[in-house]
């Protein structure tokens, strides 16, 4: 299976689209941090906060994660390359896990610009603000007060875990739908829906209760130092369980699928 991981990693990183995605997250992270810095120090009008939030990791990673799943998984169905590992004797569960491992590795690479600007921002003696609109690493940057290095590392690792768990859904969609356009559209609509539920929790009480057992919970969209150790442990546990369930469902979907 190690050879599969290496092969998929090599193939995906050779794709121009992957490097375009990395350039996109890098530019978006820098722009987001700059806008938050400007608003926090009153050098930029707060009305531009909508643009800053649009460039935030919560929005950008939804698209980036879905596109990454398409170049890693859907492209193999389009080119029939999905046959090669099966013919070579690899079990379908090995193919699913190998692609998931590569997907997670590359997701960490793609989200790293946001991690870096957050670390830089937290190390500065400055105020960052997005006018009350904050989620993901943006919430860590704008809502987190002073803390120890260990606390910063903990919440950023937790936020990364939340992203990995959320975007693992893209793997299931890619194996089920197999078409790039459908995967990107389906996941983006899902993320928008979950975002609306998080914004209007009082209007979606039942759905919000269900989502509280998933990484899409509104509580995990604004992780910061105010979270207790118990809440952080709960977040990581839910993310791990969610990933296992999604990978199992993906395997069941792929196992029963007819490969043409």
C-alpha atoms as a PDB file:
ATOM      1  CA  UNK A   1       0.000   0.000   0.000  1.00  0.00           C
ATOM      2  CA  UNK A   2       2.982   2.280   0.590  1.00  0.00           C
ATOM      3  CA  UNK A   3       3.725   2.101  -3.141  1.00  0.00           C
ATOM      4  CA  UNK A   4       0.155   3.173  -3.880  1.00  0.00           C
ATOM      5  CA  UNK A   5       0.509   6.170  -1.578  1.00  0.00           C
ATOM      6  CA  UNK A   6       3.771   7.174  -3.257  1.00  0.00           C
ATOM      7  CA  UNK A   7       2.265   6.748  -6.736  1.00  0.00           C
ATOM      8  CA  UNK A   8      -0.849   8.805  -5.939  1.00  0.00           C
ATOM      9  CA  UNK A   9       1.223  11.468  -4.200  1.00  0.00           C
ATOM     10  CA  UNK A  10       3.587  11.746  -7.163  1.00  0.00           C
ATOM     11  CA  UNK A  11       0.729  11.858  -9.679  1.00  0.00           C
ATOM     12  CA  UNK A  12      -1.242  14.535  -7.843  1.00  0.00           C
ATOM     13  CA  UNK A  13       1.701  16.818  -7.101  1.00  0.00           C
ATOM     14  CA  UNK A  14       2.644  16.690 -10.791  1.00  0.00           C
ATOM     15  CA  UNK A  15      -0.733  18.159 -11.657  1.00  0.00           C
ATOM     16  CA  UNK A  16      -0.689  21.887 -12.435  1.00  0.00           C
ATOM     17  CA  UNK A  17      -4.075  22.217 -10.774  1.00  0.00           C
ATOM     18  CA  UNK A  18      -2.603  21.282  -7.387  1.00  0.00           C
ATOM     19  CA  UNK A  19      -0.043  24.095  -7.595  1.00  0.00           C
ATOM     20  CA  UNK A  20      -2.760  26.515  -8.692  1.00  0.00           C
ATOM     21  CA  UNK A  21      -4.724  25.519  -5.589  1.00  0.00           C
ATOM     22  CA  UNK A  22      -1.670  26.114  -3.393  1.00  0.00           C
ATOM     23  CA  UNK A  23      -1.136  29.532  -4.979  1.00  0.00           C
ATOM     24  CA  UNK A  24      -4.830  30.297  -4.377  1.00  0.00           C
ATOM     25  CA  UNK A  25      -4.717  29.419  -0.669  1.00  0.00           C
ATOM     26  CA  UNK A  26      -1.442  31.323  -0.238  1.00  0.00           C
ATOM     27  CA  UNK A  27      -2.763  34.516  -1.814  1.00  0.00           C
ATOM     28  CA  UNK A  28      -6.099  34.192  -0.009  1.00  0.00           C
ATOM     29  CA  UNK A  29      -4.401  33.666   3.362  1.00  0.00           C
ATOM     30  CA  UNK A  30      -2.184  36.723   2.933  1.00  0.00           C
ATOM     31  CA  UNK A  31      -5.123  38.858   1.785  1.00  0.00           C
ATOM     32  CA  UNK A  32      -7.333  37.617   4.648  1.00  0.00           C
ATOM     33  CA  UNK A  33      -4.660  38.401   7.254  1.00  0.00           C
ATOM     34  CA  UNK A  34      -3.987  41.819   5.728  1.00  0.00           C
ATOM     35  CA  UNK A  35      -7.677  42.768   5.756  1.00  0.00           C
ATOM     36  CA  UNK A  36      -8.117  41.520   9.336  1.00  0.00           C
ATOM     37  CA  UNK A  37      -5.059  43.546  10.362  1.00  0.00           C
ATOM     38  CA  UNK A  38      -6.354  46.652   8.586  1.00  0.00           C
ATOM     39  CA  UNK A  39      -9.808  46.421  10.144  1.00  0.00           C
ATOM     40  CA  UNK A  40      -8.359  45.681  13.580  1.00  0.00           C
ATOM     41  CA  UNK A  41      -6.153  48.776  13.407  1.00  0.00           C
ATOM     42  CA  UNK A  42      -8.819  51.014  11.805  1.00  0.00           C
ATOM     43  CA  UNK A  43      -6.823  51.526   8.609  1.00  0.00           C
ATOM     44  CA  UNK A  44      -9.442  49.709   6.515  1.00  0.00           C
ATOM     45  CA  UNK A  45     -13.199  50.263   6.628  1.00  0.00           C
ATOM     46  CA  UNK A  46     -15.083  47.430   8.293  1.00  0.00           C
ATOM     47  CA  UNK A  47     -17.397  47.232   5.254  1.00  0.00           C
ATOM     48  CA  UNK A  48     -14.713  45.236   3.440  1.00  0.00           C
ATOM     49  CA  UNK A  49     -15.041  42.448   6.007  1.00  0.00           C
ATOM     50  CA  UNK A  50     -17.273  40.511   3.577  1.00  0.00           C
ATOM     51  CA  UNK A  51     -14.335  40.254   1.183  1.00  0.00           C
ATOM     52  CA  UNK A  52     -12.036  39.176   4.009  1.00  0.00           C
ATOM     53  CA  UNK A  53     -14.450  36.466   5.105  1.00  0.00           C
ATOM     54  CA  UNK A  54     -14.844  35.300   1.496  1.00  0.00           C
ATOM     55  CA  UNK A  55     -11.063  34.773   1.364  1.00  0.00           C
ATOM     56  CA  UNK A  56     -10.988  33.003   4.723  1.00  0.00           C
ATOM     57  CA  UNK A  57     -10.012  29.367   5.077  1.00  0.00           C
ATOM     58  CA  UNK A  58     -13.586  28.311   5.845  1.00  0.00           C
ATOM     59  CA  UNK A  59     -14.737  29.382   2.378  1.00  0.00           C
ATOM     60  CA  UNK A  60     -11.584  28.688   0.384  1.00  0.00           C
ATOM     61  CA  UNK A  61     -10.938  25.192   1.727  1.00  0.00           C
ATOM     62  CA  UNK A  62     -14.463  24.065   0.827  1.00  0.00           C
ATOM     63  CA  UNK A  63     -13.698  24.630  -2.843  1.00  0.00           C
ATOM     64  CA  UNK A  64     -10.042  23.618  -2.672  1.00  0.00           C
ATOM     65  CA  UNK A  65     -10.806  20.343  -0.879  1.00  0.00           C
ATOM     66  CA  UNK A  66     -13.469  19.364  -3.389  1.00  0.00           C
ATOM     67  CA  UNK A  67     -11.219  20.168  -6.365  1.00  0.00           C
ATOM     68  CA  UNK A  68      -8.355  18.208  -4.791  1.00  0.00           C
ATOM     69  CA  UNK A  69     -10.633  15.170  -4.482  1.00  0.00           C
ATOM     70  CA  UNK A  70     -11.499  15.426  -8.167  1.00  0.00           C
ATOM     71  CA  UNK A  71      -7.890  15.482  -9.392  1.00  0.00           C
ATOM     72  CA  UNK A  72      -6.952  12.660  -7.009  1.00  0.00           C
ATOM     73  CA  UNK A  73      -9.968  10.387  -7.503  1.00  0.00           C
ATOM     74  CA  UNK A  74     -12.333  11.469 -10.288  1.00  0.00           C
ATOM     75  CA  UNK A  75      -9.504  11.783 -12.808  1.00  0.00           C
ATOM     76  CA  UNK A  76      -8.711   8.074 -12.344  1.00  0.00           C
ATOM     77  CA  UNK A  77     -12.273   7.154 -13.237  1.00  0.00           C
ATOM     78  CA  UNK A  78     -12.185   9.455 -16.278  1.00  0.00           C
ATOM     79  CA  UNK A  79      -8.912   7.999 -17.593  1.00  0.00           C
ATOM     80  CA  UNK A  80      -9.714   4.408 -16.482  1.00  0.00           C
ATOM     81  CA  UNK A  81      -6.515   4.395 -14.402  1.00  0.00           C
ATOM     82  CA  UNK A  82      -8.589   3.112 -11.488  1.00  0.00           C
ATOM     83  CA  UNK A  83      -8.304  -0.320 -13.144  1.00  0.00           C
ATOM     84  CA  UNK A  84      -4.525  -0.506 -12.787  1.00  0.00           C
ATOM     85  CA  UNK A  85      -4.202  -1.029  -9.008  1.00  0.00           C
ATOM     86  CA  UNK A  86      -7.133  -3.476  -9.058  1.00  0.00           C
ATOM     87  CA  UNK A  87      -5.534  -5.542 -11.818  1.00  0.00           C
ATOM     88  CA  UNK A  88      -2.229  -5.384  -9.928  1.00  0.00           C
ATOM     89  CA  UNK A  89      -3.845  -7.173  -7.000  1.00  0.00           C
ATOM     90  CA  UNK A  90      -4.554  -4.323  -4.593  1.00  0.00           C
ATOM     91  CA  UNK A  91      -7.734  -4.652  -2.547  1.00  0.00           C
ATOM     92  CA  UNK A  92     -10.301  -1.907  -2.897  1.00  0.00           C
ATOM     93  CA  UNK A  93      -9.945  -0.965   0.766  1.00  0.00           C
ATOM     94  CA  UNK A  94      -6.214  -0.405   0.134  1.00  0.00           C
ATOM     95  CA  UNK A  95      -7.035   1.909  -2.774  1.00  0.00           C
ATOM     96  CA  UNK A  96      -9.504   3.901  -0.656  1.00  0.00           C
ATOM     97  CA  UNK A  97      -7.127   4.238   2.304  1.00  0.00           C
ATOM     98  CA  UNK A  98      -4.165   5.131   0.056  1.00  0.00           C
ATOM     99  CA  UNK A  99      -6.110   7.902  -1.643  1.00  0.00           C
ATOM    100  CA  UNK A 100      -7.392   9.126   1.729  1.00  0.00           C
ATOM    101  CA  UNK A 101      -3.841   9.327   3.135  1.00  0.00           C
ATOM    102  CA  UNK A 102      -2.631  11.295   0.111  1.00  0.00           C
ATOM    103  CA  UNK A 103      -5.723  13.515   0.301  1.00  0.00           C
ATOM    104  CA  UNK A 104      -5.022  14.360   3.964  1.00  0.00           C
ATOM    105  CA  UNK A 105      -1.326  15.021   3.350  1.00  0.00           C
ATOM    106  CA  UNK A 106      -2.056  17.404   0.494  1.00  0.00           C
ATOM    107  CA  UNK A 107      -4.865  19.097   2.412  1.00  0.00           C
ATOM    108  CA  UNK A 108      -2.405  19.928   5.191  1.00  0.00           C
ATOM    109  CA  UNK A 109      -0.075  21.408   2.557  1.00  0.00           C
ATOM    110  CA  UNK A 110      -2.901  23.473   1.080  1.00  0.00           C
ATOM    111  CA  UNK A 111      -4.125  24.794   4.433  1.00  0.00           C
ATOM    112  CA  UNK A 112      -0.572  25.516   5.660  1.00  0.00           C
ATOM    113  CA  UNK A 113      -0.579  29.137   4.347  1.00  0.00           C
ATOM    114  CA  UNK A 114      -3.482  29.880   6.701  1.00  0.00           C
ATOM    115  CA  UNK A 115      -1.640  28.191   9.568  1.00  0.00           C
ATOM    116  CA  UNK A 116       1.482  30.252   8.838  1.00  0.00           C
ATOM    117  CA  UNK A 117      -0.307  33.626   8.654  1.00  0.00           C
ATOM    118  CA  UNK A 118      -2.201  32.750  11.851  1.00  0.00           C
ATOM    119  CA  UNK A 119       1.067  32.007  13.658  1.00  0.00           C
ATOM    120  CA  UNK A 120       2.585  35.248  12.357  1.00  0.00           C
ATOM    121  CA  UNK A 121      -0.501  37.215  13.352  1.00  0.00           C
ATOM    122  CA  UNK A 122      -0.609  35.745  16.854  1.00  0.00           C
ATOM    123  CA  UNK A 123       3.063  36.577  17.344  1.00  0.00           C
ATOM    124  CA  UNK A 124       2.443  40.234  16.498  1.00  0.00           C
ATOM    125  CA  UNK A 125       1.431  42.798  19.076  1.00  0.00           C
ATOM    126  CA  UNK A 126      -1.549  43.845  16.972  1.00  0.00           C
ATOM    127  CA  UNK A 127      -5.312  43.534  16.884  1.00  0.00           C
ATOM    128  CA  UNK A 128      -7.020  41.554  14.144  1.00  0.00           C
ATOM    129  CA  UNK A 129     -10.713  41.830  13.391  1.00  0.00           C
ATOM    130  CA  UNK A 130     -13.213  40.840  10.738  1.00  0.00           C
ATOM    131  CA  UNK A 131     -16.175  42.715  12.127  1.00  0.00           C
ATOM    132  CA  UNK A 132     -17.614  39.749  13.996  1.00  0.00           C
ATOM    133  CA  UNK A 133     -17.395  37.462  10.952  1.00  0.00           C
ATOM    134  CA  UNK A 134     -14.883  34.784  11.806  1.00  0.00           C
ATOM    135  CA  UNK A 135     -14.563  31.020  11.416  1.00  0.00           C
ATOM    136  CA  UNK A 136     -11.777  28.499  11.161  1.00  0.00           C
ATOM    137  CA  UNK A 137      -8.248  29.866  11.461  1.00  0.00           C
ATOM    138  CA  UNK A 138      -9.705  33.348  11.050  1.00  0.00           C
ATOM    139  CA  UNK A 139     -11.520  32.873  14.362  1.00  0.00           C
ATOM    140  CA  UNK A 140      -8.251  31.813  16.019  1.00  0.00           C
ATOM    141  CA  UNK A 141      -6.605  34.949  14.654  1.00  0.00           C
ATOM    142  CA  UNK A 142      -9.371  37.378  15.619  1.00  0.00           C
ATOM    143  CA  UNK A 143     -10.946  35.842  18.725  1.00  0.00           C
ATOM    144  CA  UNK A 144      -7.965  34.333  20.519  1.00  0.00           C
ATOM    145  CA  UNK A 145      -6.491  36.288  23.407  1.00  0.00           C
ATOM    146  CA  UNK A 146      -2.972  35.825  24.738  1.00  0.00           C
ATOM    147  CA  UNK A 147      -1.988  32.263  25.505  1.00  0.00           C
ATOM    148  CA  UNK A 148       0.960  29.915  25.756  1.00  0.00           C
ATOM    149  CA  UNK A 149       2.736  28.382  22.768  1.00  0.00           C
ATOM    150  CA  UNK A 150       1.330  24.970  23.682  1.00  0.00           C
ATOM    151  CA  UNK A 151      -2.239  26.312  23.706  1.00  0.00           C
ATOM    152  CA  UNK A 152      -1.784  27.898  20.278  1.00  0.00           C
ATOM    153  CA  UNK A 153      -0.411  24.639  18.866  1.00  0.00           C
ATOM    154  CA  UNK A 154      -3.286  22.660  20.387  1.00  0.00           C
ATOM    155  CA  UNK A 155      -6.066  24.779  18.934  1.00  0.00           C
ATOM    156  CA  UNK A 156      -4.422  24.947  15.502  1.00  0.00           C
ATOM    157  CA  UNK A 157      -3.977  21.162  15.403  1.00  0.00           C
ATOM    158  CA  UNK A 158      -7.611  20.799  16.463  1.00  0.00           C
ATOM    159  CA  UNK A 159      -8.758  23.179  13.723  1.00  0.00           C
ATOM    160  CA  UNK A 160      -6.716  21.232  11.159  1.00  0.00           C
ATOM    161  CA  UNK A 161      -8.357  18.002  12.344  1.00  0.00           C
ATOM    162  CA  UNK A 162     -11.773  19.594  11.883  1.00  0.00           C
ATOM    163  CA  UNK A 163     -10.899  20.486   8.287  1.00  0.00           C
ATOM    164  CA  UNK A 164      -9.536  17.016   7.534  1.00  0.00           C
ATOM    165  CA  UNK A 165     -12.710  15.441   8.915  1.00  0.00           C
ATOM    166  CA  UNK A 166     -15.058  17.814   7.091  1.00  0.00           C
ATOM    167  CA  UNK A 167     -13.295  17.451   3.746  1.00  0.00           C
ATOM    168  CA  UNK A 168     -13.037  13.656   4.002  1.00  0.00           C
ATOM    169  CA  UNK A 169     -16.657  13.789   2.843  1.00  0.00           C
ATOM    170  CA  UNK A 170     -15.254  14.818  -0.551  1.00  0.00           C
ATOM    171  CA  UNK A 171     -13.613  11.388  -0.838  1.00  0.00           C
ATOM    172  CA  UNK A 172     -16.996   9.680  -0.436  1.00  0.00           C
ATOM    173  CA  UNK A 173     -18.581  12.053  -2.959  1.00  0.00           C
ATOM    174  CA  UNK A 174     -15.758  11.466  -5.449  1.00  0.00           C
ATOM    175  CA  UNK A 175     -16.069   7.674  -5.306  1.00  0.00           C
ATOM    176  CA  UNK A 176     -19.871   7.862  -5.440  1.00  0.00           C
ATOM    177  CA  UNK A 177     -20.386  10.539  -8.111  1.00  0.00           C
ATOM    178  CA  UNK A 178     -17.093  10.151 -10.058  1.00  0.00           C
ATOM    179  CA  UNK A 179     -17.677  13.403 -11.964  1.00  0.00           C
ATOM    180  CA  UNK A 180     -15.621  16.468 -11.041  1.00  0.00           C
ATOM    181  CA  UNK A 181     -18.394  19.009 -11.598  1.00  0.00           C
ATOM    182  CA  UNK A 182     -20.864  17.024  -9.497  1.00  0.00           C
ATOM    183  CA  UNK A 183     -18.408  16.580  -6.615  1.00  0.00           C
ATOM    184  CA  UNK A 184     -17.467  20.269  -6.439  1.00  0.00           C
ATOM    185  CA  UNK A 185     -21.087  21.414  -6.734  1.00  0.00           C
ATOM    186  CA  UNK A 186     -22.392  18.878  -4.208  1.00  0.00           C
ATOM    187  CA  UNK A 187     -19.801  19.646  -1.549  1.00  0.00           C
ATOM    188  CA  UNK A 188     -20.007  23.414  -1.990  1.00  0.00           C
ATOM    189  CA  UNK A 189     -23.793  23.278  -1.543  1.00  0.00           C
ATOM    190  CA  UNK A 190     -23.310  21.090   1.537  1.00  0.00           C
ATOM    191  CA  UNK A 191     -20.833  23.528   3.055  1.00  0.00           C
ATOM    192  CA  UNK A 192     -23.141  26.474   2.355  1.00  0.00           C
ATOM    193  CA  UNK A 193     -26.046  24.640   3.986  1.00  0.00           C
ATOM    194  CA  UNK A 194     -24.026  23.745   7.078  1.00  0.00           C
ATOM    195  CA  UNK A 195     -22.805  27.337   7.244  1.00  0.00           C
ATOM    196  CA  UNK A 196     -26.386  28.643   7.216  1.00  0.00           C
ATOM    197  CA  UNK A 197     -27.377  26.183   9.944  1.00  0.00           C
ATOM    198  CA  UNK A 198     -24.428  27.394  12.038  1.00  0.00           C
ATOM    199  CA  UNK A 199     -25.420  31.036  11.476  1.00  0.00           C
ATOM    200  CA  UNK A 200     -29.086  30.469  12.400  1.00  0.00           C
ATOM    201  CA  UNK A 201     -28.879  27.767  15.050  1.00  0.00           C
ATOM    202  CA  UNK A 202     -32.134  28.813  16.715  1.00  0.00           C
ATOM    203  CA  UNK A 203     -34.040  28.237  13.471  1.00  0.00           C
ATOM    204  CA  UNK A 204     -32.578  24.787  12.819  1.00  0.00           C
ATOM    205  CA  UNK A 205     -32.619  23.275  16.299  1.00  0.00           C
ATOM    206  CA  UNK A 206     -32.974  19.613  15.273  1.00  0.00           C
ATOM    207  CA  UNK A 207     -30.458  19.808  12.426  1.00  0.00           C
ATOM    208  CA  UNK A 208     -28.040  21.716  14.645  1.00  0.00           C
ATOM    209  CA  UNK A 209     -28.373  18.990  17.287  1.00  0.00           C
ATOM    210  CA  UNK A 210     -27.539  16.316  14.717  1.00  0.00           C
ATOM    211  CA  UNK A 211     -24.571  18.312  13.389  1.00  0.00           C
ATOM    212  CA  UNK A 212     -23.219  18.657  16.940  1.00  0.00           C
ATOM    213  CA  UNK A 213     -22.085  15.025  16.600  1.00  0.00           C
ATOM    214  CA  UNK A 214     -20.117  15.844  13.442  1.00  0.00           C
ATOM    215  CA  UNK A 215     -17.179  18.148  12.589  1.00  0.00           C
ATOM    216  CA  UNK A 216     -19.719  20.477  10.955  1.00  0.00           C
ATOM    217  CA  UNK A 217     -20.950  21.624  14.365  1.00  0.00           C
ATOM    218  CA  UNK A 218     -21.108  25.406  14.781  1.00  0.00           C
ATOM    219  CA  UNK A 219     -19.015  24.985  17.941  1.00  0.00           C
ATOM    220  CA  UNK A 220     -16.063  23.704  15.912  1.00  0.00           C
ATOM    221  CA  UNK A 221     -16.175  26.515  13.351  1.00  0.00           C
ATOM    222  CA  UNK A 222     -14.939  29.080  15.867  1.00  0.00           C
ATOM    223  CA  UNK A 223     -12.258  27.244  17.812  1.00  0.00           C
ATOM    224  CA  UNK A 224     -10.157  29.516  20.034  1.00  0.00           C
ATOM    225  CA  UNK A 225      -8.447  29.576  23.433  1.00  0.00           C
ATOM    226  CA  UNK A 226     -11.785  29.927  25.219  1.00  0.00           C
ATOM    227  CA  UNK A 227     -12.473  26.238  24.550  1.00  0.00           C
ATOM    228  CA  UNK A 228     -11.844  23.908  27.472  1.00  0.00           C
ATOM    229  CA  UNK A 229      -9.640  20.838  27.268  1.00  0.00           C
ATOM    230  CA  UNK A 230     -12.780  18.714  27.394  1.00  0.00           C
ATOM    231  CA  UNK A 231     -14.258  20.532  24.390  1.00  0.00           C
ATOM    232  CA  UNK A 232     -11.029  20.107  22.422  1.00  0.00           C
ATOM    233  CA  UNK A 233     -10.879  16.388  23.278  1.00  0.00           C
ATOM    234  CA  UNK A 234     -14.520  16.045  22.241  1.00  0.00           C
ATOM    235  CA  UNK A 235     -13.811  17.816  18.930  1.00  0.00           C
ATOM    236  CA  UNK A 236     -10.847  15.576  18.101  1.00  0.00           C
ATOM    237  CA  UNK A 237     -12.766  12.429  19.087  1.00  0.00           C
ATOM    238  CA  UNK A 238     -15.742  13.337  16.925  1.00  0.00           C
ATOM    239  CA  UNK A 239     -13.435  14.111  13.995  1.00  0.00           C
ATOM    240  CA  UNK A 240     -11.662  10.745  14.271  1.00  0.00           C
ATOM    241  CA  UNK A 241     -14.921   8.800  14.525  1.00  0.00           C
ATOM    242  CA  UNK A 242     -16.398  10.767  11.615  1.00  0.00           C
ATOM    243  CA  UNK A 243     -13.356  10.034   9.430  1.00  0.00           C
ATOM    244  CA  UNK A 244     -13.565   6.306  10.190  1.00  0.00           C
ATOM    245  CA  UNK A 245     -17.284   6.218   9.359  1.00  0.00           C
ATOM    246  CA  UNK A 246     -16.826   8.132   6.076  1.00  0.00           C
ATOM    247  CA  UNK A 247     -13.915   5.929   4.985  1.00  0.00           C
ATOM    248  CA  UNK A 248     -15.994   2.826   5.745  1.00  0.00           C
ATOM    249  CA  UNK A 249     -18.935   4.188   3.732  1.00  0.00           C
ATOM    250  CA  UNK A 250     -16.539   5.043   0.900  1.00  0.00           C
ATOM    251  CA  UNK A 251     -15.166   1.501   0.890  1.00  0.00           C
ATOM    252  CA  UNK A 252     -18.683   0.028   0.866  1.00  0.00           C
ATOM    253  CA  UNK A 253     -19.614   2.306  -2.042  1.00  0.00           C
ATOM    254  CA  UNK A 254     -16.470   1.427  -4.009  1.00  0.00           C
ATOM    255  CA  UNK A 255     -16.699  -2.299  -3.216  1.00  0.00           C
ATOM    256  CA  UNK A 256     -20.165  -2.584  -4.704  1.00  0.00           C
ATOM    257  CA  UNK A 257     -19.419  -0.323  -7.667  1.00  0.00           C
ATOM    258  CA  UNK A 258     -18.948  -1.739 -11.132  1.00  0.00           C
ATOM    259  CA  UNK A 259     -15.738  -0.456 -12.707  1.00  0.00           C
ATOM    260  CA  UNK A 260     -16.041  -0.020 -16.448  1.00  0.00           C
END
